[in-house]
Every structure is written in C-alpha cells, then in structure tokens.
PDB file of N, CA and C in Angstrom:
ATOM      1  N   MET A   1      36.015   4.984  -2.172  1.00  0.00           N
ATOM      2  CA  MET A   1      36.314   3.832  -2.152  1.00  0.00           C
ATOM      3  C   MET A   1      36.156   3.500  -0.433  1.00  0.00           C
ATOM      4  N   SER A   2      35.725   4.469   0.646  1.00  0.00           N
ATOM      5  CA  SER A   2      35.271   4.138   1.720  1.00  0.00           C
ATOM      6  C   SER A   2      33.674   4.154   1.908  1.00  0.00           C
ATOM      7  N   ASP A   3      32.721   4.067   0.921  1.00  0.00           N
ATOM      8  CA  ASP A   3      31.585   4.340   0.899  1.00  0.00           C
ATOM      9  C   ASP A   3      30.845   4.647  -0.299  1.00  0.00           C
ATOM     10  N   PHE A   4      29.686   4.003  -0.339  1.00  0.00           N
ATOM     11  CA  PHE A   4      28.825   4.351  -1.252  1.00  0.00           C
ATOM     12  C   PHE A   4      28.840   3.569  -2.814  1.00  0.00           C
ATOM     13  N   TYR A   5      30.172   3.495  -3.239  1.00  0.00           N
ATOM     14  CA  TYR A   5      30.485   2.904  -4.603  1.00  0.00           C
ATOM     15  C   TYR A   5      31.304   1.242  -4.359  1.00  0.00           C
ATOM     16  N   SER A   6      30.725   0.633  -3.522  1.00  0.00           N
ATOM     17  CA  SER A   6      31.453  -0.769  -3.564  1.00  0.00           C
ATOM     18  C   SER A   6      30.298  -1.424  -2.685  1.00  0.00           C
ATOM     19  N   SER A   7      29.847  -2.544  -3.052  1.00  0.00           N
ATOM     20  CA  SER A   7      28.937  -3.502  -2.154  1.00  0.00           C
ATOM     21  C   SER A   7      29.997  -4.288  -1.293  1.00  0.00           C
ATOM     22  N   SER A   8      31.288  -4.099  -1.326  1.00  0.00           N
ATOM     23  CA  SER A   8      32.115  -4.726  -0.082  1.00  0.00           C
ATOM     24  C   SER A   8      32.758  -3.953   0.285  1.00  0.00           C
ATOM     25  N   ALA A   9      33.638  -3.823   1.451  1.00  0.00           N
ATOM     26  CA  ALA A   9      34.297  -2.850   1.992  1.00  0.00           C
ATOM     27  C   ALA A   9      35.807  -3.080   1.531  1.00  0.00           C
ATOM     28  N   VAL A  10      36.216  -1.861   1.260  1.00  0.00           N
ATOM     29  CA  VAL A  10      37.852  -1.992   0.822  1.00  0.00           C
ATOM     30  C   VAL A  10      38.521  -1.224   2.014  1.00  0.00           C
ATOM     31  N   THR A  11      39.445  -2.198   2.354  1.00  0.00           N
ATOM     32  CA  THR A  11      40.482  -2.174   3.394  1.00  0.00           C
ATOM     33  C   THR A  11      41.461  -0.679   3.073  1.00  0.00           C
ATOM     34  N   GLU A  12      41.853  -0.168   3.920  1.00  0.00           N
ATOM     35  CA  GLU A  12      42.587   1.168   3.625  1.00  0.00           C
ATOM     36  C   GLU A  12      43.718   0.686   3.091  1.00  0.00           C
ATOM     37  N   ALA A  13      44.324  -0.542   3.474  1.00  0.00           N
ATOM     38  CA  ALA A  13      45.321  -0.956   2.584  1.00  0.00           C
ATOM     39  C   ALA A  13      45.241  -0.923   1.190  1.00  0.00           C
ATOM     40  N   GLN A  14      44.038  -1.711   0.677  1.00  0.00           N
ATOM     41  CA  GLN A  14      43.583  -1.940  -0.617  1.00  0.00           C
ATOM     42  C   GLN A  14      43.327  -0.373  -1.138  1.00  0.00           C
ATOM     43  N   GLY A  15      42.992   0.535  -0.561  1.00  0.00           N
ATOM     44  CA  GLY A  15      42.685   1.678  -1.150  1.00  0.00           C
ATOM     45  C   GLY A  15      44.060   2.237  -1.557  1.00  0.00           C
ATOM     46  N   ILE A  16      45.040   2.443  -0.575  1.00  0.00           N
ATOM     47  CA  ILE A  16      46.490   2.807  -0.994  1.00  0.00           C
ATOM     48  C   ILE A  16      47.264   2.186  -1.710  1.00  0.00           C
ATOM     49  N   ALA A  17      46.911   0.813  -1.914  1.00  0.00           N
ATOM     50  CA  ALA A  17      47.497   0.282  -3.171  1.00  0.00           C
ATOM     51  C   ALA A  17      46.935   0.674  -4.434  1.00  0.00           C
ATOM     52  N   LEU A  18      45.404   0.657  -4.295  1.00  0.00           N
ATOM     53  CA  LEU A  18      44.961   1.401  -5.481  1.00  0.00           C
ATOM     54  C   LEU A  18      45.439   2.356  -6.259  1.00  0.00           C
ATOM     55  N   ILE A  19      45.621   3.390  -5.121  1.00  0.00           N
ATOM     56  CA  ILE A  19      45.955   4.937  -5.542  1.00  0.00           C
ATOM     57  C   ILE A  19      47.480   4.639  -6.282  1.00  0.00           C
ATOM     58  N   HIS A  20      48.242   3.905  -5.397  1.00  0.00           N
ATOM     59  CA  HIS A  20      49.515   3.665  -5.770  1.00  0.00           C
ATOM     60  C   HIS A  20      49.854   3.453  -7.397  1.00  0.00           C
ATOM     61  N   ARG A  21      48.956   2.413  -7.466  1.00  0.00           N
ATOM     62  CA  ARG A  21      48.740   1.736  -9.013  1.00  0.00           C
ATOM     63  C   ARG A  21      48.206   2.863  -9.764  1.00  0.00           C
ATOM     64  N   ALA A  22      47.321   3.609  -9.788  1.00  0.00           N
ATOM     65  CA  ALA A  22      46.677   4.577 -10.502  1.00  0.00           C
ATOM     66  C   ALA A  22      47.936   5.692 -10.775  1.00  0.00           C
ATOM     67  N   LEU A  23      48.671   5.932  -9.760  1.00  0.00           N
ATOM     68  CA  LEU A  23      49.775   6.983  -9.858  1.00  0.00           C
ATOM     69  C   LEU A  23      50.725   6.331 -10.834  1.00  0.00           C
ATOM     70  N   ALA A  24      50.951   4.984 -10.535  1.00  0.00           N
ATOM     71  CA  ALA A  24      52.086   4.286 -11.629  1.00  0.00           C
ATOM     72  C   ALA A  24      52.009   4.259 -12.832  1.00  0.00           C
ATOM     73  N   LEU A  25      50.484   3.962 -13.111  1.00  0.00           N
ATOM     74  CA  LEU A  25      49.794   4.042 -14.337  1.00  0.00           C
ATOM     75  C   LEU A  25      49.559   5.317 -15.140  1.00  0.00           C
ATOM     76  N   GLY A  26      49.839   6.657 -14.143  1.00  0.00           N
ATOM     77  CA  GLY A  26      49.963   7.992 -15.053  1.00  0.00           C
ATOM     78  C   GLY A  26      48.740   8.850 -14.395  1.00  0.00           C
ATOM     79  N   VAL A  27      47.882   8.266 -13.480  1.00  0.00           N
ATOM     80  CA  VAL A  27      46.798   9.385 -13.176  1.00  0.00           C
ATOM     81  C   VAL A  27      47.397  10.399 -12.342  1.00  0.00           C
ATOM     82  N   THR A  28      47.046  11.413 -12.689  1.00  0.00           N
ATOM     83  CA  THR A  28      47.160  12.744 -12.144  1.00  0.00           C
ATOM     84  C   THR A  28      46.476  13.491 -11.449  1.00  0.00           C
ATOM     85  N   PHE A  29      45.019  12.775 -11.455  1.00  0.00           N
ATOM     86  CA  PHE A  29      44.112  13.965 -10.888  1.00  0.00           C
ATOM     87  C   PHE A  29      42.907  12.683  -9.799  1.00  0.00           C
ATOM     88  N   LEU A  30      42.742  13.291  -8.683  1.00  0.00           N
ATOM     89  CA  LEU A  30      42.138  12.535  -7.640  1.00  0.00           C
ATOM     90  C   LEU A  30      41.243  13.389  -6.990  1.00  0.00           C
ATOM     91  N   ASP A  31      40.068  12.923  -6.781  1.00  0.00           N
ATOM     92  CA  ASP A  31      38.747  13.394  -6.628  1.00  0.00           C
ATOM     93  C   ASP A  31      38.490  12.876  -5.330  1.00  0.00           C
ATOM     94  N   THR A  32      37.861  13.634  -4.205  1.00  0.00           N
ATOM     95  CA  THR A  32      37.429  12.776  -2.993  1.00  0.00           C
ATOM     96  C   THR A  32      36.333  13.996  -2.346  1.00  0.00           C
ATOM     97  N   ALA A  33      35.787  13.653  -1.404  1.00  0.00           N
ATOM     98  CA  ALA A  33      34.533  14.338  -0.510  1.00  0.00           C
ATOM     99  C   ALA A  33      34.961  13.959   1.070  1.00  0.00           C
ATOM    100  N   ASP A  34      34.483  15.004   1.828  1.00  0.00           N
ATOM    101  CA  ASP A  34      34.725  14.498   3.370  1.00  0.00           C
ATOM    102  C   ASP A  34      33.616  13.704   3.892  1.00  0.00           C
ATOM    103  N   VAL A  35      32.129  13.353   2.804  1.00  0.00           N
ATOM    104  CA  VAL A  35      30.892  12.962   3.140  1.00  0.00           C
ATOM    105  C   VAL A  35      31.419  11.233   2.441  1.00  0.00           C
ATOM    106  N   TYR A  36      32.267  11.014   2.068  1.00  0.00           N
ATOM    107  CA  TYR A  36      32.920   9.177   2.110  1.00  0.00           C
ATOM    108  C   TYR A  36      33.459   9.026   3.236  1.00  0.00           C
ATOM    109  N   GLY A  37      32.699   8.193   3.965  1.00  0.00           N
ATOM    110  CA  GLY A  37      33.355   7.366   5.189  1.00  0.00           C
ATOM    111  C   GLY A  37      32.274   7.655   6.528  1.00  0.00           C
ATOM    112  N   PRO A  38      32.118   9.211   6.820  1.00  0.00           N
ATOM    113  CA  PRO A  38      32.477  10.521   6.456  1.00  0.00           C
ATOM    114  C   PRO A  38      34.164  10.743   6.770  1.00  0.00           C
ATOM    115  N   HIS A  39      35.024  11.300   5.954  1.00  0.00           N
ATOM    116  CA  HIS A  39      36.367  11.309   6.373  1.00  0.00           C
ATOM    117  C   HIS A  39      37.321  10.304   6.246  1.00  0.00           C
ATOM    118  N   THR A  40      36.675   9.118   5.973  1.00  0.00           N
ATOM    119  CA  THR A  40      37.340   8.030   5.895  1.00  0.00           C
ATOM    120  C   THR A  40      38.434   8.216   4.306  1.00  0.00           C
ATOM    121  N   ASN A  41      37.803   8.213   3.263  1.00  0.00           N
ATOM    122  CA  ASN A  41      38.296   8.341   1.889  1.00  0.00           C
ATOM    123  C   ASN A  41      39.446   9.540   2.045  1.00  0.00           C
ATOM    124  N   GLU A  42      39.280  10.791   2.733  1.00  0.00           N
ATOM    125  CA  GLU A  42      40.159  11.680   2.599  1.00  0.00           C
ATOM    126  C   GLU A  42      41.368  11.207   3.423  1.00  0.00           C
ATOM    127  N   SER A  43      41.140  10.656   4.386  1.00  0.00           N
ATOM    128  CA  SER A  43      42.217  10.430   5.330  1.00  0.00           C
ATOM    129  C   SER A  43      43.147   9.070   4.493  1.00  0.00           C
ATOM    130  N   THR A  44      42.408   8.079   3.521  1.00  0.00           N
ATOM    131  CA  THR A  44      42.834   7.151   2.839  1.00  0.00           C
ATOM    132  C   THR A  44      43.968   7.676   1.953  1.00  0.00           C
ATOM    133  N   VAL A  45      43.214   8.894   0.926  1.00  0.00           N
ATOM    134  CA  VAL A  45      44.107   9.292   0.030  1.00  0.00           C
ATOM    135  C   VAL A  45      45.187  10.347   0.577  1.00  0.00           C
ATOM    136  N   GLY A  46      45.149  11.154   1.715  1.00  0.00           N
ATOM    137  CA  GLY A  46      46.217  11.676   2.145  1.00  0.00           C
ATOM    138  C   GLY A  46      47.376  10.439   2.718  1.00  0.00           C
ATOM    139  N   LYS A  47      47.008   9.449   3.121  1.00  0.00           N
ATOM    140  CA  LYS A  47      48.088   8.424   3.214  1.00  0.00           C
ATOM    141  C   LYS A  47      49.079   7.984   2.114  1.00  0.00           C
ATOM    142  N   ALA A  48      47.950   7.750   1.158  1.00  0.00           N
ATOM    143  CA  ALA A  48      48.426   7.411  -0.215  1.00  0.00           C
ATOM    144  C   ALA A  48      49.334   8.334  -0.990  1.00  0.00           C
ATOM    145  N   LEU A  49      48.986   9.032  -0.869  1.00  0.00           N
ATOM    146  CA  LEU A  49      49.975  10.787  -1.473  1.00  0.00           C
ATOM    147  C   LEU A  49      51.265  11.133  -0.707  1.00  0.00           C
ATOM    148  N   LYS A  50      51.268  10.661   0.487  1.00  0.00           N
ATOM    149  CA  LYS A  50      52.075  10.889   1.829  1.00  0.00           C
ATOM    150  C   LYS A  50      53.705  10.943   1.127  1.00  0.00           C
ATOM    151  N   GLY A  51      54.163  12.009   0.582  1.00  0.00           N
ATOM    152  CA  GLY A  51      55.571  12.106  -0.065  1.00  0.00           C
ATOM    153  C   GLY A  51      55.455  12.233  -1.865  1.00  0.00           C
ATOM    154  N   ARG A  52      53.950  12.232  -2.018  1.00  0.00           N
ATOM    155  CA  ARG A  52      53.864  12.375  -3.826  1.00  0.00           C
ATOM    156  C   ARG A  52      52.670  13.472  -3.816  1.00  0.00           C
ATOM    157  N   ARG A  53      52.536  14.171  -3.252  1.00  0.00           N
ATOM    158  CA  ARG A  53      51.500  15.288  -3.078  1.00  0.00           C
ATOM    159  C   ARG A  53      51.564  16.290  -4.229  1.00  0.00           C
ATOM    160  N   ASP A  54      52.845  16.666  -4.575  1.00  0.00           N
ATOM    161  CA  ASP A  54      53.211  17.556  -5.778  1.00  0.00           C
ATOM    162  C   ASP A  54      53.111  16.576  -7.083  1.00  0.00           C
ATOM    163  N   SER A  55      52.762  15.416  -6.948  1.00  0.00           N
ATOM    164  CA  SER A  55      52.391  14.757  -8.261  1.00  0.00           C
ATOM    165  C   SER A  55      51.120  14.660  -8.947  1.00  0.00           C
ATOM    166  N   VAL A  56      50.098  15.022  -8.104  1.00  0.00           N
ATOM    167  CA  VAL A  56      48.555  14.923  -8.779  1.00  0.00           C
ATOM    168  C   VAL A  56      48.035  16.274  -8.284  1.00  0.00           C
ATOM    169  N   VAL A  57      46.953  16.240  -9.162  1.00  0.00           N
ATOM    170  CA  VAL A  57      45.995  17.419  -8.730  1.00  0.00           C
ATOM    171  C   VAL A  57      44.973  16.747  -7.717  1.00  0.00           C
ATOM    172  N   LEU A  58      44.687  17.389  -6.766  1.00  0.00           N
ATOM    173  CA  LEU A  58      43.741  16.700  -5.730  1.00  0.00           C
ATOM    174  C   LEU A  58      42.596  17.773  -5.528  1.00  0.00           C
ATOM    175  N   ALA A  59      41.353  17.395  -5.864  1.00  0.00           N
ATOM    176  CA  ALA A  59      40.306  17.893  -5.784  1.00  0.00           C
ATOM    177  C   ALA A  59      39.508  17.493  -4.402  1.00  0.00           C
ATOM    178  N   THR A  60      38.437  18.229  -3.788  1.00  0.00           N
ATOM    179  CA  THR A  60      37.645  17.737  -3.158  1.00  0.00           C
ATOM    180  C   THR A  60      36.259  18.484  -3.185  1.00  0.00           C
ATOM    181  N   LYS A  61      34.951  17.352  -2.945  1.00  0.00           N
ATOM    182  CA  LYS A  61      33.837  18.191  -3.049  1.00  0.00           C
ATOM    183  C   LYS A  61      33.138  18.602  -1.625  1.00  0.00           C
ATOM    184  N   PHE A  62      32.709  19.455  -1.543  1.00  0.00           N
ATOM    185  CA  PHE A  62      31.736  19.988  -0.378  1.00  0.00           C
ATOM    186  C   PHE A  62      30.189  20.294  -0.278  1.00  0.00           C
ATOM    187  N   GLY A  63      29.701  20.297   0.622  1.00  0.00           N
ATOM    188  CA  GLY A  63      28.238  21.094   0.800  1.00  0.00           C
ATOM    189  C   GLY A  63      27.405  19.790   1.344  1.00  0.00           C
ATOM    190  N   ILE A  64      27.698  18.514   1.071  1.00  0.00           N
ATOM    191  CA  ILE A  64      26.780  17.586   1.477  1.00  0.00           C
ATOM    192  C   ILE A  64      27.657  17.196   3.036  1.00  0.00           C
ATOM    193  N   VAL A  65      26.808  17.224   3.846  1.00  0.00           N
ATOM    194  CA  VAL A  65      27.371  16.728   5.415  1.00  0.00           C
ATOM    195  C   VAL A  65      26.877  15.333   5.855  1.00  0.00           C
ATOM    196  N   ARG A  66      27.490  14.689   6.509  1.00  0.00           N
ATOM    197  CA  ARG A  66      27.026  13.451   7.445  1.00  0.00           C
ATOM    198  C   ARG A  66      28.310  13.457   8.348  1.00  0.00           C
ATOM    199  N   GLU A  67      27.438  12.972   9.820  1.00  0.00           N
ATOM    200  CA  GLU A  67      28.422  12.789  10.595  1.00  0.00           C
ATOM    201  C   GLU A  67      28.472  11.547  10.642  1.00  0.00           C
ATOM    202  N   PRO A  68      29.904  10.856  11.424  1.00  0.00           N
ATOM    203  CA  PRO A  68      30.114   9.619  11.456  1.00  0.00           C
ATOM    204  C   PRO A  68      29.218   8.603  12.158  1.00  0.00           C
ATOM    205  N   GLY A  69      29.015   7.026  11.523  1.00  0.00           N
ATOM    206  CA  GLY A  69      28.133   6.752  11.694  1.00  0.00           C
ATOM    207  C   GLY A  69      26.417   7.074  11.568  1.00  0.00           C
ATOM    208  N   ALA A  70      25.914   8.363  10.974  1.00  0.00           N
ATOM    209  CA  ALA A  70      24.435   8.573  10.483  1.00  0.00           C
ATOM    210  C   ALA A  70      24.481   8.388   9.234  1.00  0.00           C
ATOM    211  N   ALA A  71      23.247   7.868   8.803  1.00  0.00           N
ATOM    212  CA  ALA A  71      22.950   7.550   7.573  1.00  0.00           C
ATOM    213  C   ALA A  71      22.326   8.688   6.983  1.00  0.00           C
ATOM    214  N   THR A  72      21.589   9.660   7.612  1.00  0.00           N
ATOM    215  CA  THR A  72      21.128  11.047   7.181  1.00  0.00           C
ATOM    216  C   THR A  72      22.322  12.133   6.567  1.00  0.00           C
ATOM    217  N   ARG A  73      21.818  12.945   5.476  1.00  0.00           N
ATOM    218  CA  ARG A  73      22.764  13.606   5.249  1.00  0.00           C
ATOM    219  C   ARG A  73      21.978  15.307   5.329  1.00  0.00           C
ATOM    220  N   GLY A  74      22.609  16.082   5.296  1.00  0.00           N
ATOM    221  CA  GLY A  74      22.371  17.458   5.243  1.00  0.00           C
ATOM    222  C   GLY A  74      23.137  18.232   4.273  1.00  0.00           C
ATOM    223  N   ALA A  75      23.259  19.474   4.293  1.00  0.00           N
ATOM    224  CA  ALA A  75      23.961  20.508   3.428  1.00  0.00           C
ATOM    225  C   ALA A  75      24.385  21.863   3.828  1.00  0.00           C
ATOM    226  N   ASN A  76      25.517  21.993   3.686  1.00  0.00           N
ATOM    227  CA  ASN A  76      26.346  23.248   4.373  1.00  0.00           C
ATOM    228  C   ASN A  76      26.964  23.742   3.229  1.00  0.00           C
ATOM    229  N   GLY A  77      26.779  25.061   2.907  1.00  0.00           N
ATOM    230  CA  GLY A  77      27.515  26.043   2.253  1.00  0.00           C
ATOM    231  C   GLY A  77      27.990  27.206   2.532  1.00  0.00           C
ATOM    232  N   HIS A  78      27.786  27.227   3.945  1.00  0.00           N
ATOM    233  CA  HIS A  78      28.404  28.482   4.694  1.00  0.00           C
ATOM    234  C   HIS A  78      29.969  28.628   4.478  1.00  0.00           C
ATOM    235  N   PRO A  79      30.519  29.712   4.162  1.00  0.00           N
ATOM    236  CA  PRO A  79      32.124  29.943   3.837  1.00  0.00           C
ATOM    237  C   PRO A  79      32.887  29.228   4.717  1.00  0.00           C
ATOM    238  N   ASP A  80      32.672  29.191   6.170  1.00  0.00           N
ATOM    239  CA  ASP A  80      33.685  28.368   7.105  1.00  0.00           C
ATOM    240  C   ASP A  80      33.915  27.010   6.910  1.00  0.00           C
ATOM    241  N   TYR A  81      32.482  26.488   6.405  1.00  0.00           N
ATOM    242  CA  TYR A  81      32.725  24.973   5.847  1.00  0.00           C
ATOM    243  C   TYR A  81      33.510  24.806   4.902  1.00  0.00           C
ATOM    244  N   VAL A  82      32.941  25.940   3.731  1.00  0.00           N
ATOM    245  CA  VAL A  82      33.948  25.484   2.442  1.00  0.00           C
ATOM    246  C   VAL A  82      35.201  25.292   2.520  1.00  0.00           C
ATOM    247  N   ARG A  83      35.679  26.413   3.356  1.00  0.00           N
ATOM    248  CA  ARG A  83      37.305  26.682   3.805  1.00  0.00           C
ATOM    249  C   ARG A  83      37.855  25.435   4.679  1.00  0.00           C
ATOM    250  N   SER A  84      37.095  25.114   5.545  1.00  0.00           N
ATOM    251  CA  SER A  84      37.494  23.809   6.251  1.00  0.00           C
ATOM    252  C   SER A  84      37.560  22.509   5.307  1.00  0.00           C
ATOM    253  N   SER A  85      36.690  22.166   4.426  1.00  0.00           N
ATOM    254  CA  SER A  85      36.821  21.423   3.384  1.00  0.00           C
ATOM    255  C   SER A  85      37.906  21.055   2.633  1.00  0.00           C
ATOM    256  N   CYS A  86      38.476  22.239   2.198  1.00  0.00           N
ATOM    257  CA  CYS A  86      39.524  22.595   1.742  1.00  0.00           C
ATOM    258  C   CYS A  86      40.899  22.569   2.283  1.00  0.00           C
ATOM    259  N   GLU A  87      40.683  22.804   3.524  1.00  0.00           N
ATOM    260  CA  GLU A  87      41.903  22.363   4.242  1.00  0.00           C
ATOM    261  C   GLU A  87      42.381  21.554   5.084  1.00  0.00           C
ATOM    262  N   ASP A  88      40.970  20.955   5.768  1.00  0.00           N
ATOM    263  CA  ASP A  88      41.390  19.735   6.468  1.00  0.00           C
ATOM    264  C   ASP A  88      41.810  18.399   5.748  1.00  0.00           C
ATOM    265  N   ARG A  89      42.345  17.875   6.591  1.00  0.00           N
ATOM    266  CA  ARG A  89      42.769  16.491   6.632  1.00  0.00           C
ATOM    267  C   ARG A  89      44.239  16.711   5.959  1.00  0.00           C
TER     268      ARG A  89
END
C-alpha cells in the first residue's frame, strides 16, 4: 500500500481502513515487507492489527533492502538481518 503498487499515494488511514475491511470480509493472511516504504507498510499493518494480531497469519519478506529516501536497492541475506526482519516493527 505504501510503495510500488499504486500510482497515487495511499494514506495511512486509507491503508488501515482497507485492512480492517479485508479482515471483516474474512481475510486471514497478510503479507508485507520492510522494503515497502521502506518500513512504512509494516508500520501501517501493525497499527491496523493492533488488538487483532491473533486473528491473522502475518508474513514478511526480506532480502531486498532500501534506505528511506533512496531509489537504489541492495540485497542482504545475513542471519542477523533475517532475524530483525521477522522481529522488527
């Protein structure tokens, strides 16, 4: 919601509303990645799931890294990065 897949910006409130609607319709699997935003998407998902985390399976992708404000991407498969991708946010 925060990067790559939309030609127009989605606000945090719109993203949260979208996730709430998906949950209401029975969606139980959400997938995100720290590269979206970067980190913006995961923050929005976290806010949307507050108090509802046990009702979904939450997946995150990792390996592609990008610093905030940078267009270039890199790769990181180091174990410490993999762990932080799963535990952060």
